């Protein structure tokens, strides 16, 4: 997977389509996803490098339950490329 702003944008769009909100916060923590009052939230360190952000978000995509009916054909292809 190419490390670029475009790739990061595509991953963020996947989360948006899956009804997750991606938040970039400062702090010393591991990236992750959680439910806060029924809202699906992914938190990533805003000071992490782009490759770390992409790797963290890709890893979260592999860990969460995904309703593929929420994704269009291009998003499904991109998701498959992340899973491989």
C-alpha atoms as a PDB file:
ATOM      1  CA  UNK A   1       0.000   0.000   0.000  1.00  0.00           C
ATOM      2  CA  UNK A   2       1.362   3.386  -0.996  1.00  0.00           C
ATOM      3  CA  UNK A   3       2.091   5.851   1.820  1.00  0.00           C
ATOM      4  CA  UNK A   4       0.441   9.095   0.711  1.00  0.00           C
ATOM      5  CA  UNK A   5      -2.196  11.609   1.709  1.00  0.00           C
ATOM      6  CA  UNK A   6      -4.457  10.051  -0.917  1.00  0.00           C
ATOM      7  CA  UNK A   7      -4.224   6.640   0.786  1.00  0.00           C
ATOM      8  CA  UNK A   8      -4.953   8.212   4.172  1.00  0.00           C
ATOM      9  CA  UNK A   9      -7.959  10.021   2.678  1.00  0.00           C
ATOM     10  CA  UNK A  10      -9.294   6.755   1.202  1.00  0.00           C
ATOM     11  CA  UNK A  11      -8.986   4.987   4.546  1.00  0.00           C
ATOM     12  CA  UNK A  12     -10.772   7.860   6.282  1.00  0.00           C
ATOM     13  CA  UNK A  13     -13.559   7.600   3.684  1.00  0.00           C
ATOM     14  CA  UNK A  14     -13.879   3.882   4.448  1.00  0.00           C
ATOM     15  CA  UNK A  15     -14.371   4.670   8.123  1.00  0.00           C
ATOM     16  CA  UNK A  16     -16.889   7.378   7.267  1.00  0.00           C
ATOM     17  CA  UNK A  17     -18.859   4.947   5.098  1.00  0.00           C
ATOM     18  CA  UNK A  18     -18.782   2.456   7.991  1.00  0.00           C
ATOM     19  CA  UNK A  19     -20.220   5.186  10.241  1.00  0.00           C
ATOM     20  CA  UNK A  20     -17.035   5.646  12.272  1.00  0.00           C
ATOM     21  CA  UNK A  21     -15.644   9.043  13.160  1.00  0.00           C
ATOM     22  CA  UNK A  22     -11.854   9.338  12.889  1.00  0.00           C
ATOM     23  CA  UNK A  23     -10.381  11.763  15.408  1.00  0.00           C
ATOM     24  CA  UNK A  24      -6.798  12.951  15.581  1.00  0.00           C
ATOM     25  CA  UNK A  25      -5.831  13.830  19.149  1.00  0.00           C
ATOM     26  CA  UNK A  26      -2.578  14.587  20.899  1.00  0.00           C
ATOM     27  CA  UNK A  27      -1.326  12.341  23.648  1.00  0.00           C
ATOM     28  CA  UNK A  28       0.717   9.279  24.432  1.00  0.00           C
ATOM     29  CA  UNK A  29      -1.581   6.388  23.532  1.00  0.00           C
ATOM     30  CA  UNK A  30      -2.014   3.530  21.099  1.00  0.00           C
ATOM     31  CA  UNK A  31      -4.486   4.139  18.254  1.00  0.00           C
ATOM     32  CA  UNK A  32      -7.742   2.265  18.547  1.00  0.00           C
ATOM     33  CA  UNK A  33     -11.481   2.202  18.085  1.00  0.00           C
ATOM     34  CA  UNK A  34     -14.248   2.306  20.630  1.00  0.00           C
ATOM     35  CA  UNK A  35     -17.920   2.966  21.147  1.00  0.00           C
ATOM     36  CA  UNK A  36     -18.742   6.161  23.021  1.00  0.00           C
ATOM     37  CA  UNK A  37     -22.440   6.487  23.775  1.00  0.00           C
ATOM     38  CA  UNK A  38     -23.380   4.481  20.682  1.00  0.00           C
ATOM     39  CA  UNK A  39     -21.000   6.520  18.481  1.00  0.00           C
ATOM     40  CA  UNK A  40     -18.231   4.636  16.698  1.00  0.00           C
ATOM     41  CA  UNK A  41     -14.959   6.517  17.177  1.00  0.00           C
ATOM     42  CA  UNK A  42     -11.399   5.834  16.040  1.00  0.00           C
ATOM     43  CA  UNK A  43      -8.676   7.859  17.759  1.00  0.00           C
ATOM     44  CA  UNK A  44      -5.215   8.327  16.261  1.00  0.00           C
ATOM     45  CA  UNK A  45      -2.285  10.370  17.561  1.00  0.00           C
ATOM     46  CA  UNK A  46      -2.237  13.558  15.499  1.00  0.00           C
ATOM     47  CA  UNK A  47       1.543  13.858  15.797  1.00  0.00           C
ATOM     48  CA  UNK A  48       2.210  10.384  14.359  1.00  0.00           C
ATOM     49  CA  UNK A  49       3.858  10.207  10.957  1.00  0.00           C
ATOM     50  CA  UNK A  50       1.664   9.488   7.946  1.00  0.00           C
ATOM     51  CA  UNK A  51       2.925   5.907   7.619  1.00  0.00           C
ATOM     52  CA  UNK A  52       2.101   5.231  11.295  1.00  0.00           C
ATOM     53  CA  UNK A  53      -1.391   6.732  10.873  1.00  0.00           C
ATOM     54  CA  UNK A  54      -2.063   4.615   7.779  1.00  0.00           C
ATOM     55  CA  UNK A  55      -0.734   1.440   9.412  1.00  0.00           C
ATOM     56  CA  UNK A  56      -2.782   2.048  12.569  1.00  0.00           C
ATOM     57  CA  UNK A  57      -6.000   2.726  10.658  1.00  0.00           C
ATOM     58  CA  UNK A  58      -5.422  -0.299   8.400  1.00  0.00           C
ATOM     59  CA  UNK A  59      -4.893  -2.491  11.459  1.00  0.00           C
ATOM     60  CA  UNK A  60      -8.111  -1.212  13.035  1.00  0.00           C
ATOM     61  CA  UNK A  61      -9.979  -1.993   9.802  1.00  0.00           C
ATOM     62  CA  UNK A  62      -8.813  -5.583  10.117  1.00  0.00           C
ATOM     63  CA  UNK A  63     -10.002  -5.816  13.735  1.00  0.00           C
ATOM     64  CA  UNK A  64     -13.480  -4.306  13.566  1.00  0.00           C
ATOM     65  CA  UNK A  65     -16.657  -5.892  12.297  1.00  0.00           C
ATOM     66  CA  UNK A  66     -17.407  -4.492   8.835  1.00  0.00           C
ATOM     67  CA  UNK A  67     -20.816  -4.328   7.185  1.00  0.00           C
ATOM     68  CA  UNK A  68     -19.722  -4.495   3.547  1.00  0.00           C
ATOM     69  CA  UNK A  69     -23.200  -3.468   2.351  1.00  0.00           C
ATOM     70  CA  UNK A  70     -22.315   0.085   3.466  1.00  0.00           C
ATOM     71  CA  UNK A  71     -19.425   0.263   0.974  1.00  0.00           C
ATOM     72  CA  UNK A  72     -19.445   0.956  -2.742  1.00  0.00           C
ATOM     73  CA  UNK A  73     -17.517  -1.164  -5.239  1.00  0.00           C
ATOM     74  CA  UNK A  74     -14.360   0.981  -5.164  1.00  0.00           C
ATOM     75  CA  UNK A  75     -14.330   1.015  -1.361  1.00  0.00           C
ATOM     76  CA  UNK A  76     -14.709  -2.774  -1.283  1.00  0.00           C
ATOM     77  CA  UNK A  77     -11.736  -3.178  -3.643  1.00  0.00           C
ATOM     78  CA  UNK A  78      -9.650  -0.826  -1.514  1.00  0.00           C
ATOM     79  CA  UNK A  79     -10.673  -2.699   1.647  1.00  0.00           C
ATOM     80  CA  UNK A  80      -9.588  -5.988   0.035  1.00  0.00           C
ATOM     81  CA  UNK A  81      -6.212  -4.470  -0.823  1.00  0.00           C
ATOM     82  CA  UNK A  82      -5.781  -3.449   2.825  1.00  0.00           C
ATOM     83  CA  UNK A  83      -6.720  -6.917   4.065  1.00  0.00           C
ATOM     84  CA  UNK A  84      -4.113  -8.531   1.764  1.00  0.00           C
END
